[in-house]
C-alpha cells in the first residue's frame, strides 16, 4: 500500500510537469529507484523511495502524465500490482489499469561522473527555493548565471543572476548566504544554466526537509533533496555560450 499523495509526489519529482515522461521504475526490497533525464540530456535525475509494496521488478512507464491523470481520481491508500504487463492501481472505489511499455524502449541514463568533486556547497532552506522561483518568474529569460559577488562585509558569496549579465538589461541578483566556497575558485567565473528546468525541479521538491546545492565551476550543478522515505538528486550541465 502507498498513499495517493505520496505516489503523486514521487511522480512529480521526475515528471516535472511533463518534462520527463518515459522512465523505468526499479523495485528492489520494497524500495523504488528511478533514474531519468530530460529529452535534451541537459539534466539527469535520480529518485529513491522506501516503502512501496511491490515485488522486485522493473516497470516501464512510457506516458507518465497519463498515469498521473489516472491516479488523480483515486483517494486515500492505494494498492499496486503488476498483472500481465499492466500496472493495476486500486483504492476503495476504483480499479485502474495502465499498460506497461517494453523496457527496451526506455533507455537508462548514464551515471554522472562526480570524481572531480565540487568547489562550492550550500545548505538551502525552503525560503531559498521560493525566492529563486520568484526571481525566475519575474523575468522572461530562459537561463540563469552562477557567479561570485561580494556581500556588505566584503566576503565572497555565491550569487545567481537572472536575466542577461549586460548592464543595459533587466536582471535580478540573488545571493546565497553561508556559501562554502573553495579558496581555489576563480571569483570571475560565470556559468549559465537552464533556469526553467531548475525552477521546475525546485518547485516539485519544496517539501524536502534537507536541501543541498553543489557546484563544480567546470560546469556541473547538483541539487539534492531529502524528505521522509524519499531522496532525489538532479545534475545539470551548463548551457553552451
Protein backbone atom coordinates (compact mmCIF):
# COMPACT_ATOMS: atom_id res chain seq x y z
CA UNK A 1 0.00 0.00 0.00
CA UNK A 2 1.03 3.58 -0.66
CA UNK A 3 -0.94 6.78 -0.20
CA UNK A 4 -2.13 8.61 -3.30
CA UNK A 5 -0.39 11.73 -2.02
CA UNK A 6 2.99 10.02 -1.67
CA UNK A 7 2.75 8.31 -5.06
CA UNK A 8 1.90 11.54 -6.85
CA UNK A 9 4.70 13.37 -5.03
CA UNK A 10 7.22 10.82 -6.24
CA UNK A 11 5.87 11.04 -9.79
CA UNK A 12 6.03 14.85 -9.72
CA UNK A 13 9.72 14.76 -8.79
CA UNK A 14 10.68 13.10 -12.07
CA UNK A 15 7.78 14.04 -14.36
CA UNK A 16 8.44 17.71 -13.57
CA UNK A 17 5.22 18.99 -15.08
CA UNK A 18 5.52 16.80 -18.19
CA UNK A 19 9.23 17.43 -18.81
CA UNK A 20 10.09 13.73 -18.35
CA UNK A 21 7.62 11.07 -19.49
CA UNK A 22 9.32 7.72 -20.12
CA UNK A 23 11.13 6.01 -17.24
CA UNK A 24 11.78 2.67 -15.59
CA UNK A 25 10.55 2.08 -12.06
CA UNK A 26 13.04 -0.34 -10.50
CA UNK A 27 11.74 -2.01 -7.34
CA UNK A 28 14.06 -3.94 -5.04
CA UNK A 29 13.45 -4.85 -1.39
CA UNK A 30 10.35 -2.61 -1.22
CA UNK A 31 12.32 0.41 -2.46
CA UNK A 32 11.60 2.32 -5.66
CA UNK A 33 14.52 3.67 -7.69
CA UNK A 34 14.11 5.84 -10.80
CA UNK A 35 16.88 7.32 -12.97
CA UNK A 36 15.85 9.74 -15.70
CA UNK A 37 16.96 12.57 -17.96
CA UNK A 38 15.37 15.43 -19.85
CA UNK A 39 14.98 14.96 -23.62
CA UNK A 40 17.86 17.37 -24.33
CA UNK A 41 20.13 15.44 -21.90
CA UNK A 42 20.93 18.69 -20.04
CA UNK A 43 19.70 17.25 -16.74
CA UNK A 44 19.93 13.79 -15.17
CA UNK A 45 17.94 12.93 -12.07
CA UNK A 46 17.52 10.13 -9.59
CA UNK A 47 14.80 9.34 -7.04
CA UNK A 48 14.63 6.77 -4.25
CA UNK A 49 11.52 5.96 -2.23
CA UNK A 50 11.36 3.35 0.52
CA UNK A 51 8.19 1.53 1.45
CA UNK A 52 6.48 0.61 -1.82
CA UNK A 53 4.58 -2.68 -1.65
CA UNK A 54 5.61 -4.30 -4.93
CA UNK A 55 7.79 -7.35 -5.64
CA UNK A 56 11.27 -6.89 -7.10
CA UNK A 57 10.67 -5.86 -10.70
CA UNK A 58 11.34 -3.34 -13.46
CA UNK A 59 8.26 -1.41 -14.57
CA UNK A 60 8.46 0.56 -17.83
CA UNK A 61 6.30 3.69 -17.81
CA UNK A 62 6.04 5.31 -21.23
CA UNK A 63 3.49 8.11 -20.62
CA UNK A 64 3.81 9.29 -17.02
CA UNK A 65 1.37 12.20 -17.45
CA UNK A 66 -1.39 9.77 -18.45
CA UNK A 67 -0.63 7.55 -15.46
CA UNK A 68 -0.76 10.58 -13.17
CA UNK A 69 -4.17 11.57 -14.56
CA UNK A 70 -5.49 8.10 -13.76
CA UNK A 71 -4.11 8.23 -10.23
CA UNK A 72 -5.64 11.69 -9.69
CA UNK A 73 -9.18 10.27 -9.50
CA UNK A 74 -8.29 7.93 -6.62
CA UNK A 75 -8.36 8.70 -2.89
CA UNK A 76 -6.58 7.51 0.24
CA UNK A 77 -4.42 4.41 0.33
CA UNK A 78 -3.63 2.64 -2.95
CA UNK A 79 -2.84 -0.98 -3.66
CA UNK A 80 -0.38 -1.51 -6.53
CA UNK A 81 0.13 -4.68 -8.51
CA UNK A 82 1.56 -5.79 -11.85
CA UNK A 83 -0.57 -8.26 -13.81
CA UNK A 84 0.08 -9.29 -17.42
CA UNK A 85 2.16 -6.25 -18.38
CA UNK A 86 -0.26 -3.84 -16.72
CA UNK A 87 0.10 -1.72 -13.61
CA UNK A 88 -3.04 -2.11 -11.52
CA UNK A 89 -3.92 0.68 -9.08
CA UNK A 90 -6.81 0.17 -6.67
CA UNK A 91 -8.46 2.25 -3.97
CA UNK A 92 -11.77 1.68 -2.16
CA UNK A 93 -13.77 2.54 -5.29
CA UNK A 94 -11.63 2.39 -8.42
CA UNK A 95 -9.54 -0.21 -10.19
CA UNK A 96 -7.22 1.40 -12.73
CA UNK A 97 -5.33 -0.50 -15.41
CA UNK A 98 -2.30 1.12 -17.04
CA UNK A 99 -0.50 -0.77 -19.89
CA UNK A 100 3.26 -1.01 -19.43
CA UNK A 101 5.85 -0.46 -22.16
CA UNK A 102 8.68 -2.72 -23.23
CA UNK A 103 11.72 -1.91 -21.06
CA UNK A 104 13.91 -1.96 -24.18
CA UNK A 105 12.12 1.16 -25.44
CA UNK A 106 13.31 3.21 -22.47
CA UNK A 107 17.00 3.97 -22.20
CA UNK A 108 18.57 4.26 -18.77
CA UNK A 109 20.62 7.47 -18.46
CA UNK A 110 24.36 7.20 -17.91
CA UNK A 111 25.81 7.76 -14.46
CA UNK A 112 27.22 11.23 -13.76
CA UNK A 113 30.97 11.41 -13.12
CA UNK A 114 31.46 13.25 -9.82
CA UNK A 115 35.11 12.31 -9.40
CA UNK A 116 36.23 15.95 -9.70
CA UNK A 117 34.18 16.97 -6.66
CA UNK A 118 32.56 20.35 -6.08
CA UNK A 119 34.05 23.79 -5.47
CA UNK A 120 31.00 25.42 -3.85
CA UNK A 121 28.44 23.90 -1.48
CA UNK A 122 25.36 25.48 0.12
CA UNK A 123 22.72 24.20 2.51
CA UNK A 124 19.42 25.69 1.35
CA UNK A 125 16.08 26.31 3.05
CA UNK A 126 12.61 26.23 1.53
CA UNK A 127 12.71 30.04 1.59
CA UNK A 128 15.68 29.98 -0.81
CA UNK A 129 13.70 27.85 -3.24
CA UNK A 130 10.72 30.22 -3.05
CA UNK A 131 12.96 33.24 -3.63
CA UNK A 132 14.71 31.65 -6.62
CA UNK A 133 11.36 30.66 -8.15
CA UNK A 134 10.00 34.19 -7.69
CA UNK A 135 13.08 35.69 -9.31
CA UNK A 136 12.79 33.35 -12.29
CA UNK A 137 9.09 34.18 -12.71
CA UNK A 138 9.81 37.92 -12.63
CA UNK A 139 11.95 37.75 -15.79
CA UNK A 140 11.36 36.02 -19.12
CA UNK A 141 14.99 34.91 -19.51
CA UNK A 142 15.44 31.18 -20.07
CA UNK A 143 18.78 30.98 -18.28
CA UNK A 144 20.44 31.98 -15.04
CA UNK A 145 24.09 32.58 -14.27
CA UNK A 146 26.08 31.42 -11.26
CA UNK A 147 28.93 33.71 -10.25
CA UNK A 148 30.58 35.19 -7.16
CA UNK A 149 29.98 38.67 -5.81
CA UNK A 150 30.83 40.35 -2.52
CA UNK A 151 28.34 40.98 0.28
CA UNK A 152 28.20 44.06 2.53
CA UNK A 153 31.07 42.69 4.62
CA UNK A 154 33.29 42.23 1.57
CA UNK A 155 33.10 38.42 1.66
CA UNK A 156 32.75 36.32 -1.47
CA UNK A 157 29.22 34.93 -1.85
CA UNK A 158 27.68 32.64 -4.46
CA UNK A 159 25.25 34.72 -6.49
CA UNK A 160 22.58 33.78 -9.02
CA UNK A 161 21.91 36.31 -11.78
CA UNK A 162 18.59 36.12 -13.59
CA UNK A 163 18.47 37.79 -16.98
CA UNK A 164 21.41 38.76 -19.14
CA UNK A 165 24.59 39.93 -17.47
CA UNK A 166 24.80 43.13 -19.55
CA UNK A 167 24.28 46.41 -17.70
CA UNK A 168 21.53 47.65 -20.04
CA UNK A 169 19.10 44.75 -19.47
CA UNK A 170 16.73 43.89 -16.65
CA UNK A 171 18.29 41.49 -14.19
CA UNK A 172 17.96 40.19 -10.66
CA UNK A 173 20.87 39.15 -8.45
CA UNK A 174 20.23 36.74 -5.60
CA UNK A 175 22.96 35.99 -3.04
CA UNK A 176 23.14 32.63 -1.27
CA UNK A 177 24.37 33.41 2.25
CA UNK A 178 26.67 30.95 4.05
CA UNK A 179 28.13 29.67 0.78
CA UNK A 180 31.05 27.30 1.36
CA UNK A 181 33.47 28.38 -1.38
CA UNK A 182 36.78 26.63 -2.06
CA UNK A 183 39.64 29.13 -1.83
CA UNK A 184 41.00 27.90 -5.19
CA UNK A 185 37.92 29.14 -7.06
CA UNK A 186 38.45 31.96 -9.53
CA UNK A 187 35.80 34.53 -8.48
CA UNK A 188 35.46 35.71 -12.09
CA UNK A 189 33.65 32.57 -13.31
CA UNK A 190 30.21 32.82 -14.96
CA UNK A 191 28.20 29.65 -15.50
CA UNK A 192 24.85 29.74 -17.36
CA UNK A 193 22.20 27.08 -16.70
CA UNK A 194 18.63 26.38 -17.84
CA UNK A 195 16.55 28.47 -15.44
CA UNK A 196 13.23 26.82 -16.33
CA UNK A 197 14.46 23.30 -15.54
CA UNK A 198 15.97 24.44 -12.23
CA UNK A 199 12.76 26.26 -11.31
CA UNK A 200 10.58 23.21 -12.03
CA UNK A 201 12.89 20.94 -10.01
CA UNK A 202 12.79 23.29 -7.03
CA UNK A 203 9.01 23.74 -7.24
CA UNK A 204 8.47 19.97 -7.11
CA UNK A 205 10.85 19.41 -4.18
CA UNK A 206 9.78 22.20 -1.81
CA UNK A 207 8.50 19.58 0.66
CA UNK A 208 12.07 18.43 1.40
CA UNK A 209 13.46 18.55 4.93
CA UNK A 210 17.09 18.82 3.77
CA UNK A 211 18.27 20.67 0.64
CA UNK A 212 21.81 20.98 -0.65
CA UNK A 213 23.30 22.63 -3.71
CA UNK A 214 26.77 21.84 -5.06
CA UNK A 215 28.59 23.49 -7.94
CA UNK A 216 31.66 22.46 -9.88
CA UNK A 217 32.94 25.55 -11.65
CA UNK A 218 33.79 23.47 -14.70
CA UNK A 219 30.05 23.37 -15.40
CA UNK A 220 28.18 20.84 -13.22
CA UNK A 221 25.38 21.74 -10.79
CA UNK A 222 23.93 19.24 -8.30
CA UNK A 223 20.72 19.71 -6.30
CA UNK A 224 19.93 17.21 -3.52
CA UNK A 225 16.67 16.88 -1.61
CA UNK A 226 15.61 14.56 1.19
CA UNK A 227 12.28 14.02 2.93
CA UNK A 228 10.56 11.29 4.87
CA UNK A 229 11.11 7.99 3.00
CA UNK A 230 12.48 9.66 -0.12
CA UNK A 231 15.58 11.23 -1.67
CA UNK A 232 16.05 12.98 -5.00
CA UNK A 233 19.05 14.45 -6.79
CA UNK A 234 19.46 16.32 -10.05
CA UNK A 235 22.55 17.06 -12.12
CA UNK A 236 22.56 20.00 -14.54
CA UNK A 237 25.13 20.61 -17.26
CA UNK A 238 25.96 24.23 -18.02
CA UNK A 239 24.47 25.76 -21.13
CA UNK A 240 26.68 26.42 -24.14
CA UNK A 241 27.72 30.02 -24.64
